[in-house]
PDB file of N, CA and C in Angstrom:
ATOM      1  N   MET A   1    -190.407  62.254 -87.638  1.00  0.00           N
ATOM      2  CA  MET A   1    -190.720  61.548 -88.607  1.00  0.00           C
ATOM      3  C   MET A   1    -190.678  61.166 -89.644  1.00  0.00           C
ATOM      4  N   ASP A   2    -191.012  60.314 -91.038  1.00  0.00           N
ATOM      5  CA  ASP A   2    -190.783  61.256 -91.800  1.00  0.00           C
ATOM      6  C   ASP A   2    -191.652  61.084 -93.070  1.00  0.00           C
ATOM      7  N   TYR A   3    -191.578  60.339 -94.669  1.00  0.00           N
ATOM      8  CA  TYR A   3    -193.514  60.416 -94.921  1.00  0.00           C
ATOM      9  C   TYR A   3    -193.734  59.569 -95.603  1.00  0.00           C
ATOM     10  N   LEU A   4    -193.763  58.657 -95.414  1.00  0.00           N
ATOM     11  CA  LEU A   4    -194.077  57.112 -94.925  1.00  0.00           C
ATOM     12  C   LEU A   4    -194.465  56.749 -94.004  1.00  0.00           C
ATOM     13  N   GLU A   5    -194.436  57.221 -92.806  1.00  0.00           N
ATOM     14  CA  GLU A   5    -194.751  56.840 -91.636  1.00  0.00           C
ATOM     15  C   GLU A   5    -195.755  58.169 -91.285  1.00  0.00           C
ATOM     16  N   ALA A   6    -196.189  59.340 -92.127  1.00  0.00           N
ATOM     17  CA  ALA A   6    -196.246  60.452 -91.888  1.00  0.00           C
ATOM     18  C   ALA A   6    -197.819  59.712 -93.198  1.00  0.00           C
ATOM     19  N   ALA A   7    -197.313  59.074 -93.823  1.00  0.00           N
ATOM     20  CA  ALA A   7    -198.904  58.550 -95.339  1.00  0.00           C
ATOM     21  C   ALA A   7    -199.326  56.665 -94.085  1.00  0.00           C
ATOM     22  N   TYR A   8    -199.101  56.800 -93.454  1.00  0.00           N
ATOM     23  CA  TYR A   8    -199.366  55.045 -92.543  1.00  0.00           C
ATOM     24  C   TYR A   8    -200.662  56.626 -91.068  1.00  0.00           C
ATOM     25  N   VAL A   9    -199.521  56.942 -90.840  1.00  0.00           N
ATOM     26  CA  VAL A   9    -200.922  57.881 -89.536  1.00  0.00           C
ATOM     27  C   VAL A   9    -202.299  58.517 -90.333  1.00  0.00           C
ATOM     28  N   LEU A  10    -201.852  58.940 -91.927  1.00  0.00           N
ATOM     29  CA  LEU A  10    -203.078  59.143 -91.908  1.00  0.00           C
ATOM     30  C   LEU A  10    -204.265  58.655 -93.182  1.00  0.00           C
ATOM     31  N   LYS A  11    -203.486  57.726 -93.360  1.00  0.00           N
ATOM     32  CA  LYS A  11    -204.281  55.803 -93.774  1.00  0.00           C
ATOM     33  C   LYS A  11    -205.125  55.926 -92.570  1.00  0.00           C
ATOM     34  N   LEU A  12    -204.410  55.608 -91.848  1.00  0.00           N
ATOM     35  CA  LEU A  12    -204.746  55.163 -90.545  1.00  0.00           C
ATOM     36  C   LEU A  12    -206.225  56.350 -89.799  1.00  0.00           C
ATOM     37  N   ARG A  13    -206.056  57.892 -89.472  1.00  0.00           N
ATOM     38  CA  ARG A  13    -206.497  58.477 -89.326  1.00  0.00           C
ATOM     39  C   ARG A  13    -207.561  59.092 -90.327  1.00  0.00           C
ATOM     40  N   ARG A  14    -207.882  58.406 -91.645  1.00  0.00           N
ATOM     41  CA  ARG A  14    -208.439  59.283 -92.242  1.00  0.00           C
ATOM     42  C   ARG A  14    -209.012  58.511 -93.739  1.00  0.00           C
ATOM     43  N   GLY A  15    -208.484  57.547 -93.479  1.00  0.00           N
ATOM     44  CA  GLY A  15    -208.723  56.070 -94.752  1.00  0.00           C
ATOM     45  C   GLY A  15    -207.842  56.983 -95.520  1.00  0.00           C
ATOM     46  N   TYR A  16    -207.510  58.069 -96.457  1.00  0.00           N
ATOM     47  CA  TYR A  16    -207.252  57.574 -97.799  1.00  0.00           C
ATOM     48  C   TYR A  16    -206.363  59.372 -97.232  1.00  0.00           C
ATOM     49  N   VAL A  17    -204.802  59.026 -98.138  1.00  0.00           N
ATOM     50  CA  VAL A  17    -203.697  60.215 -98.870  1.00  0.00           C
ATOM     51  C   VAL A  17    -203.794  61.067-100.213  1.00  0.00           C
ATOM     52  N   ARG A  18    -203.394  61.871 -99.356  1.00  0.00           N
ATOM     53  CA  ARG A  18    -202.624  62.652-100.558  1.00  0.00           C
ATOM     54  C   ARG A  18    -201.700  63.713-100.044  1.00  0.00           C
ATOM     55  N   ASN A  19    -200.585  64.202-101.018  1.00  0.00           N
ATOM     56  CA  ASN A  19    -199.344  64.405-101.013  1.00  0.00           C
ATOM     57  C   ASN A  19    -199.864  66.282-100.408  1.00  0.00           C
ATOM     58  N   ALA A  20    -201.425  66.812-100.843  1.00  0.00           N
ATOM     59  CA  ALA A  20    -201.377  67.956 -99.515  1.00  0.00           C
ATOM     60  C   ALA A  20    -202.261  67.308 -98.962  1.00  0.00           C
ATOM     61  N   MET A  21    -202.177  66.520 -98.366  1.00  0.00           N
ATOM     62  CA  MET A  21    -202.260  65.702 -96.493  1.00  0.00           C
ATOM     63  C   MET A  21    -200.678  65.968 -95.849  1.00  0.00           C
ATOM     64  N   ILE A  22    -200.187  65.376 -96.206  1.00  0.00           N
ATOM     65  CA  ILE A  22    -199.221  64.778 -95.733  1.00  0.00           C
ATOM     66  C   ILE A  22    -198.505  66.056 -95.162  1.00  0.00           C
ATOM     67  N   CYS A  23    -198.119  67.315 -96.785  1.00  0.00           N
ATOM     68  CA  CYS A  23    -197.059  68.891 -96.265  1.00  0.00           C
ATOM     69  C   CYS A  23    -197.715  69.516 -95.372  1.00  0.00           C
ATOM     70  N   ARG A  24    -199.382  69.189 -95.682  1.00  0.00           N
ATOM     71  CA  ARG A  24    -200.218  69.417 -94.262  1.00  0.00           C
ATOM     72  C   ARG A  24    -199.906  69.276 -92.453  1.00  0.00           C
ATOM     73  N   TYR A  25    -199.624  67.817 -93.070  1.00  0.00           N
ATOM     74  CA  TYR A  25    -199.244  67.354 -91.291  1.00  0.00           C
ATOM     75  C   TYR A  25    -197.685  67.461 -91.121  1.00  0.00           C
ATOM     76  N   MET A  26    -196.903  67.957 -91.786  1.00  0.00           N
ATOM     77  CA  MET A  26    -195.122  68.051 -91.409  1.00  0.00           C
ATOM     78  C   MET A  26    -194.700  68.933 -91.564  1.00  0.00           C
ATOM     79  N   GLY A  27    -195.621  70.108 -91.828  1.00  0.00           N
ATOM     80  CA  GLY A  27    -194.896  71.179 -92.226  1.00  0.00           C
ATOM     81  C   GLY A  27    -194.016  71.366 -93.023  1.00  0.00           C
ATOM     82  N   TYR A  28    -194.605  70.903 -94.773  1.00  0.00           N
ATOM     83  CA  TYR A  28    -193.453  70.981 -95.684  1.00  0.00           C
ATOM     84  C   TYR A  28    -194.067  70.722 -97.167  1.00  0.00           C
ATOM     85  N   SER A  29    -192.994  72.293 -97.450  1.00  0.00           N
ATOM     86  CA  SER A  29    -193.430  72.478 -98.660  1.00  0.00           C
ATOM     87  C   SER A  29    -194.150  71.231 -99.940  1.00  0.00           C
ATOM     88  N   GLN A  30    -194.580  71.843-101.352  1.00  0.00           N
ATOM     89  CA  GLN A  30    -194.587  70.936-101.976  1.00  0.00           C
ATOM     90  C   GLN A  30    -193.596  70.354-102.469  1.00  0.00           C
ATOM     91  N   ALA A  31    -193.359  70.611-102.492  1.00  0.00           N
ATOM     92  CA  ALA A  31    -191.559  70.420-104.146  1.00  0.00           C
ATOM     93  C   ALA A  31    -191.106  69.079-102.627  1.00  0.00           C
ATOM     94  N   SER A  32    -190.586  70.064-101.150  1.00  0.00           N
ATOM     95  CA  SER A  32    -190.121  68.629-100.456  1.00  0.00           C
ATOM     96  C   SER A  32    -191.280  66.920-101.223  1.00  0.00           C
ATOM     97  N   ILE A  33    -192.268  67.719-100.836  1.00  0.00           N
ATOM     98  CA  ILE A  33    -192.823  66.366-100.345  1.00  0.00           C
ATOM     99  C   ILE A  33    -193.652  65.266-101.812  1.00  0.00           C
ATOM    100  N   SER A  34    -192.782  66.179-102.824  1.00  0.00           N
ATOM    101  CA  SER A  34    -192.824  65.835-103.838  1.00  0.00           C
ATOM    102  C   SER A  34    -192.051  64.007-104.056  1.00  0.00           C
ATOM    103  N   VAL A  35    -190.547  64.960-103.408  1.00  0.00           N
ATOM    104  CA  VAL A  35    -189.518  64.549-103.778  1.00  0.00           C
ATOM    105  C   VAL A  35    -189.795  63.381-103.187  1.00  0.00           C
ATOM    106  N   GLY A  36    -189.232  63.186-101.787  1.00  0.00           N
ATOM    107  CA  GLY A  36    -189.531  62.241-100.919  1.00  0.00           C
ATOM    108  C   GLY A  36    -190.336  61.077-101.710  1.00  0.00           C
ATOM    109  N   ILE A  37    -192.253  61.670-102.088  1.00  0.00           N
ATOM    110  CA  ILE A  37    -193.747  60.304-102.150  1.00  0.00           C
ATOM    111  C   ILE A  37    -192.430  59.846-103.557  1.00  0.00           C
ATOM    112  N   LYS A  38    -192.257  60.504-104.219  1.00  0.00           N
ATOM    113  CA  LYS A  38    -192.140  60.159-105.775  1.00  0.00           C
ATOM    114  C   LYS A  38    -190.568  58.764-105.391  1.00  0.00           C
ATOM    115  N   MET A  39    -189.584  59.002-104.551  1.00  0.00           N
ATOM    116  CA  MET A  39    -188.450  57.845-104.209  1.00  0.00           C
ATOM    117  C   MET A  39    -189.155  57.048-103.066  1.00  0.00           C
ATOM    118  N   LEU A  40    -189.512  56.718-102.432  1.00  0.00           N
ATOM    119  CA  LEU A  40    -191.246  55.929-101.709  1.00  0.00           C
ATOM    120  C   LEU A  40    -192.070  54.968-102.816  1.00  0.00           C
ATOM    121  N   ARG A  41    -192.360  55.700-103.850  1.00  0.00           N
ATOM    122  CA  ARG A  41    -193.175  54.822-105.140  1.00  0.00           C
ATOM    123  C   ARG A  41    -192.079  54.339-105.765  1.00  0.00           C
ATOM    124  N   GLU A  42    -190.597  54.543-105.693  1.00  0.00           N
ATOM    125  CA  GLU A  42    -190.058  53.960-106.365  1.00  0.00           C
ATOM    126  C   GLU A  42    -189.955  52.625-105.722  1.00  0.00           C
ATOM    127  N   ASP A  43    -189.377  52.945-104.041  1.00  0.00           N
ATOM    128  CA  ASP A  43    -188.937  51.610-103.773  1.00  0.00           C
ATOM    129  C   ASP A  43    -189.708  51.793-103.328  1.00  0.00           C
ATOM    130  N   GLY A  44    -190.659  50.975-103.737  1.00  0.00           N
ATOM    131  CA  GLY A  44    -192.739  49.812-104.496  1.00  0.00           C
ATOM    132  C   GLY A  44    -193.060  49.672-102.623  1.00  0.00           C
ATOM    133  N   CYS A  45    -192.934  51.465-101.791  1.00  0.00           N
ATOM    134  CA  CYS A  45    -194.000  51.855-100.436  1.00  0.00           C
ATOM    135  C   CYS A  45    -194.467  52.051-100.686  1.00  0.00           C
ATOM    136  N   LEU A  46    -195.271  52.930-101.849  1.00  0.00           N
ATOM    137  CA  LEU A  46    -196.061  53.666-102.096  1.00  0.00           C
ATOM    138  C   LEU A  46    -196.024  53.300-102.811  1.00  0.00           C
ATOM    139  N   VAL A  47    -198.096  53.230-103.852  1.00  0.00           N
ATOM    140  CA  VAL A  47    -198.910  53.754-105.814  1.00  0.00           C
ATOM    141  C   VAL A  47    -199.390  54.422-105.059  1.00  0.00           C
ATOM    142  N   ARG A  48    -199.528  55.209-106.432  1.00  0.00           N
ATOM    143  CA  ARG A  48    -200.119  56.317-106.445  1.00  0.00           C
ATOM    144  C   ARG A  48    -201.711  55.701-107.358  1.00  0.00           C
ATOM    145  N   ASP A  49    -203.085  55.720-106.776  1.00  0.00           N
ATOM    146  CA  ASP A  49    -203.959  55.635-107.718  1.00  0.00           C
ATOM    147  C   ASP A  49    -204.467  56.563-109.296  1.00  0.00           C
ATOM    148  N   SER A  50    -205.404  55.817-109.760  1.00  0.00           N
ATOM    149  CA  SER A  50    -205.895  56.846-110.188  1.00  0.00           C
ATOM    150  C   SER A  50    -206.659  58.725-110.488  1.00  0.00           C
ATOM    151  N   ASP A  51    -207.053  57.727-109.189  1.00  0.00           N
ATOM    152  CA  ASP A  51    -206.745  59.634-108.528  1.00  0.00           C
ATOM    153  C   ASP A  51    -206.398  60.292-108.086  1.00  0.00           C
ATOM    154  N   GLY A  52    -205.482  59.950-107.563  1.00  0.00           N
ATOM    155  CA  GLY A  52    -204.317  60.465-106.973  1.00  0.00           C
ATOM    156  C   GLY A  52    -203.750  60.390-105.529  1.00  0.00           C
ATOM    157  N   PHE A  53    -204.822  59.469-105.245  1.00  0.00           N
ATOM    158  CA  PHE A  53    -204.522  59.294-103.717  1.00  0.00           C
ATOM    159  C   PHE A  53    -203.658  57.854-103.026  1.00  0.00           C
ATOM    160  N   LEU A  54    -202.946  58.026-102.442  1.00  0.00           N
ATOM    161  CA  LEU A  54    -201.385  57.426-101.687  1.00  0.00           C
ATOM    162  C   LEU A  54    -202.596  56.058-101.547  1.00  0.00           C
ATOM    163  N   ASP A  55    -201.383  54.775-100.978  1.00  0.00           N
ATOM    164  CA  ASP A  55    -201.649  54.625-100.574  1.00  0.00           C
ATOM    165  C   ASP A  55    -200.753  53.339-100.490  1.00  0.00           C
ATOM    166  N   ILE A  56    -200.483  52.676 -99.475  1.00  0.00           N
ATOM    167  CA  ILE A  56    -199.223  52.244 -99.208  1.00  0.00           C
ATOM    168  C   ILE A  56    -199.011  50.553 -99.419  1.00  0.00           C
ATOM    169  N   THR A  57    -198.841  50.375 -99.364  1.00  0.00           N
ATOM    170  CA  THR A  57    -198.407  48.593-100.265  1.00  0.00           C
ATOM    171  C   THR A  57    -197.608  48.161 -99.093  1.00  0.00           C
ATOM    172  N   GLU A  58    -197.701  46.247 -99.534  1.00  0.00           N
ATOM    173  CA  GLU A  58    -197.250  45.505 -97.778  1.00  0.00           C
ATOM    174  C   GLU A  58    -195.866  45.642 -97.544  1.00  0.00           C
ATOM    175  N   LYS A  59    -195.557  46.580 -98.062  1.00  0.00           N
ATOM    176  CA  LYS A  59    -193.851  46.513 -97.594  1.00  0.00           C
ATOM    177  C   LYS A  59    -193.606  47.857 -97.259  1.00  0.00           C
ATOM    178  N   GLY A  60    -194.681  48.729 -97.494  1.00  0.00           N
ATOM    179  CA  GLY A  60    -194.144  50.740 -96.846  1.00  0.00           C
ATOM    180  C   GLY A  60    -195.657  50.606 -95.672  1.00  0.00           C
ATOM    181  N   GLU A  61    -196.174  49.591 -95.085  1.00  0.00           N
ATOM    182  CA  GLU A  61    -197.075  48.858 -93.933  1.00  0.00           C
ATOM    183  C   GLU A  61    -195.366  48.659 -92.564  1.00  0.00           C
ATOM    184  N   THR A  62    -195.433  48.257 -93.423  1.00  0.00           N
ATOM    185  CA  THR A  62    -193.825  46.673 -92.604  1.00  0.00           C
ATOM    186  C   THR A  62    -193.518  47.811 -92.183  1.00  0.00           C
ATOM    187  N   LEU A  63    -192.451  49.031 -92.637  1.00  0.00           N
ATOM    188  CA  LEU A  63    -191.664  50.048 -92.853  1.00  0.00           C
ATOM    189  C   LEU A  63    -191.957  50.884 -91.998  1.00  0.00           C
ATOM    190  N   ALA A  64    -193.596  51.341 -92.467  1.00  0.00           N
ATOM    191  CA  ALA A  64    -193.830  52.170 -90.950  1.00  0.00           C
ATOM    192  C   ALA A  64    -194.273  51.928 -89.973  1.00  0.00           C
ATOM    193  N   LYS A  65    -194.762  50.548 -89.441  1.00  0.00           N
ATOM    194  CA  LYS A  65    -194.360  50.267 -88.449  1.00  0.00           C
ATOM    195  C   LYS A  65    -193.204  49.874 -87.250  1.00  0.00           C
ATOM    196  N   LYS A  66    -192.393  49.873 -87.885  1.00  0.00           N
ATOM    197  CA  LYS A  66    -190.934  49.880 -87.322  1.00  0.00           C
ATOM    198  C   LYS A  66    -190.853  51.483 -86.694  1.00  0.00           C
ATOM    199  N   ILE A  67    -190.628  52.461 -87.874  1.00  0.00           N
ATOM    200  CA  ILE A  67    -190.590  53.648 -87.543  1.00  0.00           C
ATOM    201  C   ILE A  67    -190.767  54.402 -85.619  1.00  0.00           C
TER     202      ILE A  67
END
């Protein structure tokens, strides 16, 4: 499972996603998650709102469903 898939699953289950949730879900460190999330944001798969919540873009959702 990768970060995008984890974000997608958590968004479906909880309705929102934060970095810490992905850390707990995957059992990885905050540092590892931060690097991966940054890359996904730069690729246009995730966006972060002003409150720090992550949202999956249309591109990200399409990719997550393929995983």
